[in-house]
Amino acid sequence: MTAKRHREFFAIRPADASTDWSPVACSAGRIDEIILADNLDTAAGTGSRTRLARWSAGALIDRPVVHDFHEEVFIVEGELVVGCDAEGEGGEAFGPYTFACRPPGAVHGPFVSRTGCVMFEIQYYE
């Protein structure tokens, strides 16, 4: 397994900046990410990824998600609703300074961010 490359402190653009963010697939709205460090290889089941994920107001993942790696998520700003229906209704809202830790195989979601949010995420294999 190849280790993530060494990166000393570096500037990250603010959440409202349009550069450096790349789109991520979602059901509605927009989710973007900045990859901070990455050697996650889902085909080989090795490595890890550290990223920021920015959800626009109304961004929706309309079905539960499950994956074979660990995931830790910290909401930095905004609000994320967990357990909504496919239209983004219902569910439980979580705001800044809330955290989730999901082992491989944990079913989670659907999700909507009615206000927009920024999350710090770490995904990894043991």
Protein backbone atom coordinates (compact mmCIF):
# COMPACT_ATOMS: atom_id res chain seq x y z
CA MET A 1 0.00 0.00 0.00
CA THR A 2 1.26 3.47 -0.87
CA ALA A 3 1.04 6.08 1.86
CA LYS A 4 -0.64 9.41 1.28
CA ARG A 5 1.95 11.93 0.20
CA HIS A 6 3.34 14.38 2.72
CA ARG A 7 1.63 17.76 2.58
CA GLU A 8 2.66 20.46 5.02
CA PHE A 9 0.18 23.18 5.97
CA PHE A 10 -1.43 24.71 2.88
CA ALA A 11 -4.23 27.17 2.25
CA ILE A 12 -7.72 25.92 1.48
CA ARG A 13 -10.12 28.27 -0.25
CA PRO A 14 -13.15 29.39 1.77
CA ALA A 15 -16.38 27.45 1.36
CA ASP A 16 -17.86 30.16 -0.86
CA ALA A 17 -14.92 30.23 -3.31
CA SER A 18 -15.66 28.70 -6.69
CA THR A 19 -12.16 27.41 -7.46
CA ASP A 20 -10.56 24.17 -6.23
CA TRP A 21 -13.94 22.46 -5.72
CA SER A 22 -14.91 19.48 -7.93
CA PRO A 23 -18.49 18.22 -8.38
CA VAL A 24 -19.69 14.97 -6.79
CA ALA A 25 -22.77 13.03 -7.98
CA CYS A 26 -26.00 13.65 -6.09
CA SER A 27 -29.74 13.35 -6.75
CA ALA A 28 -30.56 17.09 -6.66
CA GLY A 29 -28.73 20.33 -5.98
CA ARG A 30 -24.96 20.31 -5.94
CA ILE A 31 -22.24 18.67 -3.85
CA ASP A 32 -18.59 19.62 -4.40
CA GLU A 33 -15.40 18.37 -2.81
CA ILE A 34 -11.81 19.36 -2.24
CA ILE A 35 -9.53 16.33 -1.84
CA LEU A 36 -6.94 17.16 0.83
CA ALA A 37 -5.08 13.84 0.86
CA ASP A 38 -5.91 10.66 -1.03
CA ASN A 39 -4.74 7.15 -1.71
CA LEU A 40 -8.14 5.45 -1.32
CA ASP A 41 -8.38 2.49 -3.70
CA THR A 42 -11.87 0.99 -3.49
CA ALA A 43 -11.03 -1.75 -6.01
CA ALA A 44 -8.13 -2.99 -3.86
CA GLY A 45 -9.79 -2.14 -0.53
CA THR A 46 -6.82 -0.07 0.67
CA GLY A 47 -5.88 3.47 1.59
CA SER A 48 -7.69 6.53 2.82
CA ARG A 49 -9.11 9.86 1.69
CA THR A 50 -9.45 13.16 3.53
CA ARG A 51 -11.72 15.78 2.00
CA LEU A 52 -14.03 18.72 2.45
CA ALA A 53 -17.53 18.28 1.06
CA ARG A 54 -19.68 21.34 0.35
CA TRP A 55 -23.43 20.86 -0.11
CA SER A 56 -25.55 23.59 -1.69
CA ALA A 57 -28.92 24.44 -0.14
CA GLY A 58 -31.28 21.72 -1.39
CA ALA A 59 -28.57 19.16 -2.23
CA LEU A 60 -30.05 15.68 -1.84
CA ILE A 61 -28.89 12.07 -1.84
CA ASP A 62 -32.27 10.36 -2.17
CA ARG A 63 -31.42 6.82 -1.06
CA PRO A 64 -29.41 5.12 1.67
CA VAL A 65 -25.66 4.75 1.15
CA VAL A 66 -23.45 1.82 2.15
CA HIS A 67 -19.73 1.27 1.49
CA ASP A 68 -16.97 -1.12 2.51
CA PHE A 69 -14.69 1.46 4.17
CA HIS A 70 -14.80 3.39 7.44
CA GLU A 71 -16.06 6.96 7.30
CA GLU A 72 -15.82 9.80 9.80
CA VAL A 73 -17.76 13.01 9.15
CA PHE A 74 -17.59 16.32 11.03
CA ILE A 75 -20.02 19.11 10.12
CA VAL A 76 -18.05 22.36 10.05
CA GLU A 77 -20.86 24.73 9.10
CA GLY A 78 -24.49 24.61 8.00
CA GLU A 79 -26.93 21.79 8.53
CA LEU A 80 -27.33 18.22 7.22
CA VAL A 81 -30.57 16.27 7.56
CA VAL A 82 -30.17 12.50 7.97
CA GLY A 83 -32.91 9.96 7.31
CA CYS A 84 -35.15 12.09 5.11
CA ASP A 85 -37.34 10.54 2.42
CA ALA A 86 -36.49 10.52 -1.31
CA GLU A 87 -37.95 14.03 -1.67
CA GLY A 88 -35.89 15.43 1.22
CA GLU A 89 -38.76 15.61 3.71
CA GLY A 90 -38.50 14.53 7.36
CA GLY A 91 -35.33 13.25 8.97
CA GLU A 92 -33.19 14.64 11.79
CA ALA A 93 -31.11 17.81 11.36
CA PHE A 94 -27.51 18.10 12.57
CA GLY A 95 -25.53 21.33 12.70
CA PRO A 96 -21.96 22.51 13.19
CA TYR A 97 -19.69 20.56 15.50
CA THR A 98 -21.58 17.29 15.16
CA PHE A 99 -19.81 14.08 14.20
CA ALA A 100 -20.59 10.67 12.71
CA CYS A 101 -18.37 7.57 12.71
CA ARG A 102 -19.51 4.79 10.37
CA PRO A 103 -17.94 1.33 10.12
CA PRO A 104 -17.90 -0.60 6.84
CA GLY A 105 -21.36 -1.84 5.89
CA ALA A 106 -23.24 0.81 7.91
CA VAL A 107 -26.36 1.90 6.04
CA HIS A 108 -26.77 5.69 6.27
CA GLY A 109 -28.98 8.32 4.63
CA PRO A 110 -30.85 9.51 2.67
CA PHE A 111 -29.50 13.03 3.19
CA VAL A 112 -30.53 16.59 2.37
CA SER A 113 -29.02 19.94 3.27
CA ARG A 114 -31.81 22.50 3.30
CA THR A 115 -29.42 25.36 4.18
CA GLY A 116 -26.15 24.11 2.67
CA CYS A 117 -23.24 22.78 4.70
CA VAL A 118 -19.51 22.03 4.71
CA MET A 119 -18.23 18.75 6.12
CA PHE A 120 -14.74 17.43 6.88
CA GLU A 121 -14.59 13.71 5.99
CA ILE A 122 -12.08 10.89 6.42
CA GLN A 123 -12.69 7.59 4.60
CA TYR A 124 -10.32 4.66 5.13
CA TYR A 125 -9.72 0.91 5.07
CA GLU A 126 -8.07 -0.80 8.04
